[in-house]
Amino acid sequence: MNDKNKYAWGKRTPPAKHYDPRGGKQDAAIGDESDDGSVIEGRNAVIEALRAKTVIDKVFIAGEESDAALRFIASTAREAGAAVVQVDKRKLDSMSVTHAHQGVIAQAACTGYVSAGEILGIARERNEAPLIVICDEISDPHNLGAIIRTSEAAGAHGVIIPKRRSAGLTATVAKASSGAVYHTAIARVTNLTAAIEELKKAGVWVFGASVNGNASLWETDFRGPAAIVIGSEGAGISRLVGEKCDFHVRIPMLGKLSSLNASVSAAVILYEAVRQRQSITQT
């Protein structure tokens, strides 16, 4: 490995400043459900999209229990990795553009997904310590798009999002990212905590952004293999994901407000990591 990168990431070498990180039914998907730039309506259309291996984020279905055709669509979609969401007919009616949805509407992704392992592979190919962003239940597509844009600009190796309770790679996300989705490796995982464990086994340290973090951003060492967790607006990082974080980092807030927008928080932390990593290469 390049001598300028002193962190060998087959094992987890503790950052220079170490802090104690401990302070202490299927969910419905949330996201940009009305993004008609990626909507596929009707039974035949959805079935053919699945047969064509179109990357589907979510399938919204009404009446699956009593309809064999809808059960087949749901089963096929799950096998393809899509999130299947049970809704009532009124919900589909409000989402429908054609007004002929036949009980099913699919939301296609604007680009394909990769695995968490492939993101680590990108870091290896670049001979760099991994820099990864983990989005924990970022349901607003504009926030997700902005985070992806900043991640690409900062040279992060990839972004990880959960399958449920998250915006997917819709047309709105692509637009909000200014096209960065087409240049960024994005993994969508069923279990975020399991994905974090996979990263840890590969030597990556996990930093959660938290208003109650016990480590100041300016005192935190991001020069080694790092994954930065950004929580949802309002709720922040979920409990189980928070328990998996090695460190909880706070951004200094000098005004009367206690927190920043999720995408702004991601940008501040990412560029502190970039600053520290560039200082290594310049010495």
Protein backbone atom coordinates (compact mmCIF):
# COMPACT_ATOMS: atom_id res chain seq x y z
CA MET A 1 0.00 0.00 0.00
CA ASN A 2 1.13 3.57 -0.69
CA ASP A 3 3.31 4.89 2.16
CA LYS A 4 1.25 8.07 2.22
CA ASN A 5 -1.69 6.06 3.45
CA LYS A 6 -0.50 4.81 6.82
CA TYR A 7 -3.75 2.98 7.60
CA ALA A 8 -3.72 -0.66 6.52
CA TRP A 9 -7.38 -1.50 6.45
CA GLY A 10 -7.40 -5.25 6.74
CA LYS A 11 -7.51 -4.57 10.47
CA ARG A 12 -9.07 -1.71 12.37
CA THR A 13 -6.24 0.52 13.57
CA PRO A 14 -7.76 2.93 16.14
CA PRO A 15 -7.95 6.56 15.02
CA ALA A 16 -5.46 8.95 16.61
CA LYS A 17 -8.05 10.24 19.07
CA HIS A 18 -10.23 7.53 20.56
CA TYR A 19 -13.58 8.13 22.24
CA ASP A 20 -16.00 5.76 23.93
CA PRO A 21 -18.92 5.59 21.52
CA ARG A 22 -21.38 4.19 24.02
CA GLY A 23 -23.55 6.60 25.84
CA GLY A 24 -25.67 4.15 25.83
CA LYS A 25 -43.28 -6.46 11.61
CA GLN A 26 -42.20 -5.21 8.14
CA ASP A 27 -42.05 -1.47 7.90
CA ALA A 28 -43.70 0.40 5.10
CA ALA A 29 -41.36 2.11 2.70
CA ILE A 30 -41.22 5.87 2.79
CA GLY A 31 -39.98 8.01 -0.03
CA ASP A 32 -40.78 9.89 -3.19
CA GLU A 33 -43.79 7.84 -4.21
CA SER A 34 -45.16 10.31 -6.75
CA ASP A 35 -42.03 10.58 -8.89
CA ASP A 36 -43.75 9.95 -12.24
CA GLY A 37 -40.43 10.02 -14.10
CA SER A 38 -39.83 6.45 -12.94
CA VAL A 39 -43.33 5.05 -12.44
CA ILE A 40 -44.55 1.88 -14.19
CA GLU A 41 -48.30 1.23 -13.98
CA GLY A 42 -50.43 -1.83 -14.66
CA ARG A 43 -49.93 -5.56 -14.28
CA ASN A 44 -48.48 -6.40 -17.70
CA ALA A 45 -46.18 -3.38 -17.70
CA VAL A 46 -44.77 -4.23 -14.27
CA ILE A 47 -44.36 -7.93 -15.13
CA GLU A 48 -42.51 -7.10 -18.36
CA ALA A 49 -40.26 -4.61 -16.54
CA LEU A 50 -39.32 -7.33 -14.05
CA ARG A 51 -38.71 -9.84 -16.85
CA ALA A 52 -36.47 -7.28 -18.58
CA LYS A 53 -34.40 -7.03 -15.38
CA THR A 54 -35.30 -3.36 -14.93
CA VAL A 55 -34.00 -2.23 -11.53
CA ILE A 56 -37.10 -1.68 -9.42
CA ASP A 57 -36.95 0.22 -6.14
CA LYS A 58 -40.48 -0.35 -4.87
CA VAL A 59 -43.70 -2.01 -5.90
CA PHE A 60 -46.93 -0.65 -4.44
CA ILE A 61 -49.73 -3.21 -4.43
CA ALA A 62 -53.39 -3.15 -3.36
CA GLY A 63 -55.24 -6.43 -2.82
CA GLU A 64 -52.37 -8.92 -3.15
CA GLU A 65 -53.96 -11.37 -0.70
CA SER A 66 -57.00 -12.11 -2.90
CA ASP A 67 -55.43 -11.86 -6.36
CA ALA A 68 -53.12 -14.55 -7.79
CA ALA A 69 -51.65 -12.24 -10.43
CA LEU A 70 -50.72 -9.62 -7.85
CA ARG A 71 -49.24 -12.30 -5.59
CA PHE A 72 -47.04 -13.41 -8.50
CA ILE A 73 -45.91 -9.83 -9.13
CA ALA A 74 -45.13 -9.33 -5.43
CA SER A 75 -43.16 -12.58 -5.25
CA THR A 76 -41.20 -11.82 -8.42
CA ALA A 77 -40.44 -8.28 -7.23
CA ARG A 78 -39.16 -9.51 -3.87
CA GLU A 79 -36.91 -12.03 -5.60
CA ALA A 80 -35.52 -9.16 -7.69
CA GLY A 81 -34.69 -7.22 -4.53
CA ALA A 82 -37.49 -4.66 -4.69
CA ALA A 83 -39.36 -3.46 -1.62
CA VAL A 84 -43.03 -4.48 -1.82
CA VAL A 85 -45.43 -2.12 -0.07
CA GLN A 86 -49.04 -2.95 0.71
CA VAL A 87 -51.30 0.08 0.21
CA ASP A 88 -55.01 0.64 -0.26
CA LYS A 89 -56.57 1.41 -3.64
CA ARG A 90 -57.03 5.08 -2.79
CA LYS A 91 -53.28 5.42 -2.37
CA LEU A 92 -52.67 3.92 -5.80
CA ASP A 93 -55.36 6.15 -7.28
CA SER A 94 -53.56 9.22 -5.94
CA MET A 95 -50.21 8.01 -7.34
CA SER A 96 -51.53 6.97 -10.75
CA VAL A 97 -50.89 9.02 -13.85
CA THR A 98 -52.76 6.74 -16.28
CA HIS A 99 -55.66 6.04 -13.86
CA ALA A 100 -55.44 2.41 -14.98
CA HIS A 101 -53.01 0.95 -12.46
CA GLN A 102 -54.84 -2.40 -12.07
CA GLY A 103 -53.78 -2.63 -8.43
CA VAL A 104 -50.03 -2.24 -8.93
CA ILE A 105 -47.54 0.58 -9.48
CA ALA A 106 -43.77 0.04 -9.61
CA GLN A 107 -41.10 2.65 -9.12
CA ALA A 108 -37.99 2.04 -11.21
CA ALA A 109 -34.51 3.10 -10.16
CA CYS A 110 -32.74 5.60 -12.42
CA THR A 111 -29.55 3.52 -12.25
CA GLY A 112 -28.37 0.20 -10.83
CA TYR A 113 -27.13 -0.64 -7.36
CA VAL A 114 -23.91 -2.27 -6.20
CA SER A 115 -23.05 -4.24 -3.06
CA ALA A 116 -21.22 -2.94 0.00
CA GLY A 117 -18.37 -5.25 -0.94
CA GLU A 118 -18.09 -3.61 -4.35
CA ILE A 119 -17.75 -0.20 -2.67
CA LEU A 120 -14.84 -1.56 -0.64
CA GLY A 121 -13.41 -2.91 -3.90
CA ILE A 122 -13.44 0.60 -5.40
CA ALA A 123 -11.33 1.86 -2.48
CA ARG A 124 -8.87 -1.01 -3.00
CA GLU A 125 -8.59 -0.24 -6.71
CA ARG A 126 -7.76 3.38 -5.89
CA ASN A 127 -5.31 2.29 -3.17
CA GLU A 128 -7.15 4.55 -0.72
CA ALA A 129 -8.60 4.13 2.75
CA PRO A 130 -12.38 3.69 2.29
CA LEU A 131 -14.58 6.75 2.71
CA ILE A 132 -18.23 5.70 2.71
CA VAL A 133 -21.49 7.49 3.51
CA ILE A 134 -24.32 5.54 5.14
CA CYS A 135 -27.78 7.12 4.93
CA ASP A 136 -30.02 5.93 7.77
CA GLU A 137 -33.66 6.40 6.72
CA ILE A 138 -33.16 9.51 4.58
CA SER A 139 -36.67 9.59 3.10
CA ASP A 140 -36.57 13.01 1.43
CA PRO A 141 -35.34 12.57 -2.17
CA HIS A 142 -33.83 16.07 -2.30
CA ASN A 143 -31.76 15.38 0.82
CA LEU A 144 -30.60 12.02 -0.53
CA GLY A 145 -29.71 13.56 -3.87
CA ALA A 146 -27.74 16.34 -2.19
CA ILE A 147 -25.84 13.81 -0.05
CA ILE A 148 -24.96 11.74 -3.13
CA ARG A 149 -23.79 14.90 -4.93
CA THR A 150 -21.51 15.89 -2.06
CA SER A 151 -20.23 12.32 -1.69
CA GLU A 152 -19.20 12.21 -5.34
CA ALA A 153 -17.58 15.66 -5.16
CA ALA A 154 -15.64 14.70 -2.03
CA GLY A 155 -14.29 11.53 -3.62
CA ALA A 156 -16.20 9.12 -1.38
CA HIS A 157 -16.07 5.54 -2.60
CA GLY A 158 -19.79 4.95 -2.23
CA VAL A 159 -23.09 5.52 -0.47
CA ILE A 160 -25.16 2.89 1.34
CA ILE A 161 -28.94 3.20 1.79
CA PRO A 162 -31.50 0.83 3.33
CA LYS A 163 -34.17 -0.84 1.23
CA ARG A 164 -36.94 0.37 3.53
CA ARG A 165 -37.72 3.73 5.08
CA SER A 166 -35.56 5.47 2.51
CA ALA A 167 -35.88 7.29 -0.77
CA GLY A 168 -34.64 5.21 -3.66
CA LEU A 169 -32.79 6.19 -6.83
CA THR A 170 -35.72 7.96 -8.45
CA ALA A 171 -35.68 10.66 -11.10
CA THR A 172 -36.07 13.29 -8.38
CA VAL A 173 -33.00 11.98 -6.55
CA ALA A 174 -31.03 11.97 -9.81
CA LYS A 175 -32.01 15.58 -10.48
CA ALA A 176 -31.24 16.70 -6.92
CA SER A 177 -27.81 15.05 -7.22
CA SER A 178 -27.10 16.98 -10.44
CA GLY A 179 -26.39 13.62 -12.08
CA ALA A 180 -23.97 12.41 -9.40
CA VAL A 181 -25.99 9.18 -9.08
CA TYR A 182 -24.49 8.11 -12.41
CA HIS A 183 -20.94 8.51 -11.09
CA THR A 184 -21.40 7.16 -7.55
CA ALA A 185 -21.47 3.57 -6.34
CA ILE A 186 -24.69 3.19 -4.36
CA ALA A 187 -25.55 0.06 -2.40
CA ARG A 188 -29.07 -0.70 -1.22
CA VAL A 189 -29.16 -3.20 1.64
CA THR A 190 -31.92 -5.06 3.44
CA ASN A 191 -30.28 -4.74 6.85
CA LEU A 192 -28.20 -1.64 7.57
CA THR A 193 -26.73 -3.01 10.81
CA ALA A 194 -25.53 -6.15 9.00
CA ALA A 195 -23.93 -3.96 6.32
CA ILE A 196 -22.13 -1.99 9.04
CA GLU A 197 -20.82 -5.22 10.53
CA GLU A 198 -19.51 -6.20 7.09
CA LEU A 199 -17.65 -2.90 6.87
CA LYS A 200 -16.21 -3.34 10.36
CA LYS A 201 -14.89 -6.79 9.50
CA ALA A 202 -13.10 -5.16 6.55
CA GLY A 203 -11.39 -2.73 8.92
CA VAL A 204 -13.67 0.28 8.55
CA TRP A 205 -14.46 2.56 11.52
CA VAL A 206 -18.02 3.85 11.74
CA PHE A 207 -18.75 7.46 12.72
CA GLY A 208 -22.32 8.53 13.49
CA ALA A 209 -23.32 12.19 13.13
CA SER A 210 -25.17 13.17 16.30
CA VAL A 211 -26.11 16.42 18.05
CA ASN A 212 -25.29 14.59 21.30
CA GLY A 213 -22.02 13.12 20.08
CA ASN A 214 -19.25 12.81 22.65
CA ALA A 215 -16.53 13.68 20.10
CA SER A 216 -16.21 17.09 18.47
CA LEU A 217 -15.83 17.04 14.70
CA TRP A 218 -12.53 18.94 14.92
CA GLU A 219 -11.11 16.37 17.35
CA THR A 220 -12.08 13.30 15.33
CA ASP A 221 -9.60 11.47 13.11
CA PHE A 222 -11.08 10.52 9.72
CA ARG A 223 -7.77 9.68 8.04
CA GLY A 224 -8.25 5.91 8.28
CA PRO A 225 -10.97 3.70 6.76
CA ALA A 226 -14.19 5.54 7.62
CA ALA A 227 -17.94 5.23 7.15
CA ILE A 228 -20.01 8.28 8.08
CA VAL A 229 -23.60 7.65 9.17
CA ILE A 230 -26.15 10.40 8.52
CA GLY A 231 -29.55 10.02 10.21
CA SER A 232 -32.96 11.18 9.11
CA GLU A 233 -34.34 14.67 9.63
CA GLY A 234 -35.82 15.01 13.11
CA ALA A 235 -35.28 11.45 14.35
CA GLY A 236 -31.55 11.28 13.63
CA ILE A 237 -29.75 7.95 13.61
CA SER A 238 -31.96 4.99 14.56
CA ARG A 239 -31.20 3.19 17.82
CA LEU A 240 -29.88 -0.07 16.37
CA VAL A 241 -27.66 1.69 13.85
CA GLY A 242 -26.44 4.07 16.54
CA GLU A 243 -25.39 1.13 18.70
CA LYS A 244 -23.23 -0.14 15.83
CA CYS A 245 -21.34 3.14 15.46
CA ASP A 246 -17.82 3.21 16.90
CA PHE A 247 -17.95 6.96 17.48
CA HIS A 248 -20.65 9.61 17.75
CA VAL A 249 -19.50 12.91 16.31
CA ARG A 250 -21.06 16.33 16.84
CA ILE A 251 -20.72 19.35 14.60
CA PRO A 252 -20.07 22.50 16.68
CA MET A 253 -23.20 24.67 16.69
CA LEU A 254 -22.48 28.26 17.75
CA GLY A 255 -25.88 29.81 17.10
CA LYS A 256 -29.31 29.22 18.60
CA LEU A 257 -30.22 26.24 16.40
CA SER A 258 -29.17 22.80 17.60
CA SER A 259 -28.66 20.98 14.31
CA LEU A 260 -28.12 21.23 10.56
CA ASN A 261 -30.02 19.77 7.64
CA ALA A 262 -28.98 16.14 6.98
CA SER A 263 -27.34 16.88 3.64
CA VAL A 264 -25.48 19.89 5.07
CA SER A 265 -24.23 17.79 7.99
CA ALA A 266 -22.96 15.20 5.52
CA ALA A 267 -21.12 17.90 3.55
CA VAL A 268 -19.47 19.41 6.63
CA ILE A 269 -18.22 16.04 7.90
CA LEU A 270 -17.14 14.77 4.49
CA TYR A 271 -15.03 17.80 3.78
CA GLU A 272 -13.40 17.64 7.19
CA ALA A 273 -12.44 14.08 6.25
CA VAL A 274 -11.14 15.33 2.88
CA ARG A 275 -9.10 18.07 4.60
CA GLN A 276 -7.48 15.56 6.95
CA ARG A 277 -6.73 13.06 4.19
CA GLN A 278 -5.22 15.70 1.93
CA SER A 279 -2.96 16.78 4.78
CA ILE A 280 -1.49 13.25 4.76
CA THR A 281 -0.71 13.31 1.06
CA GLN A 282 0.84 16.78 1.29
CA THR A 283 3.28 15.87 4.08
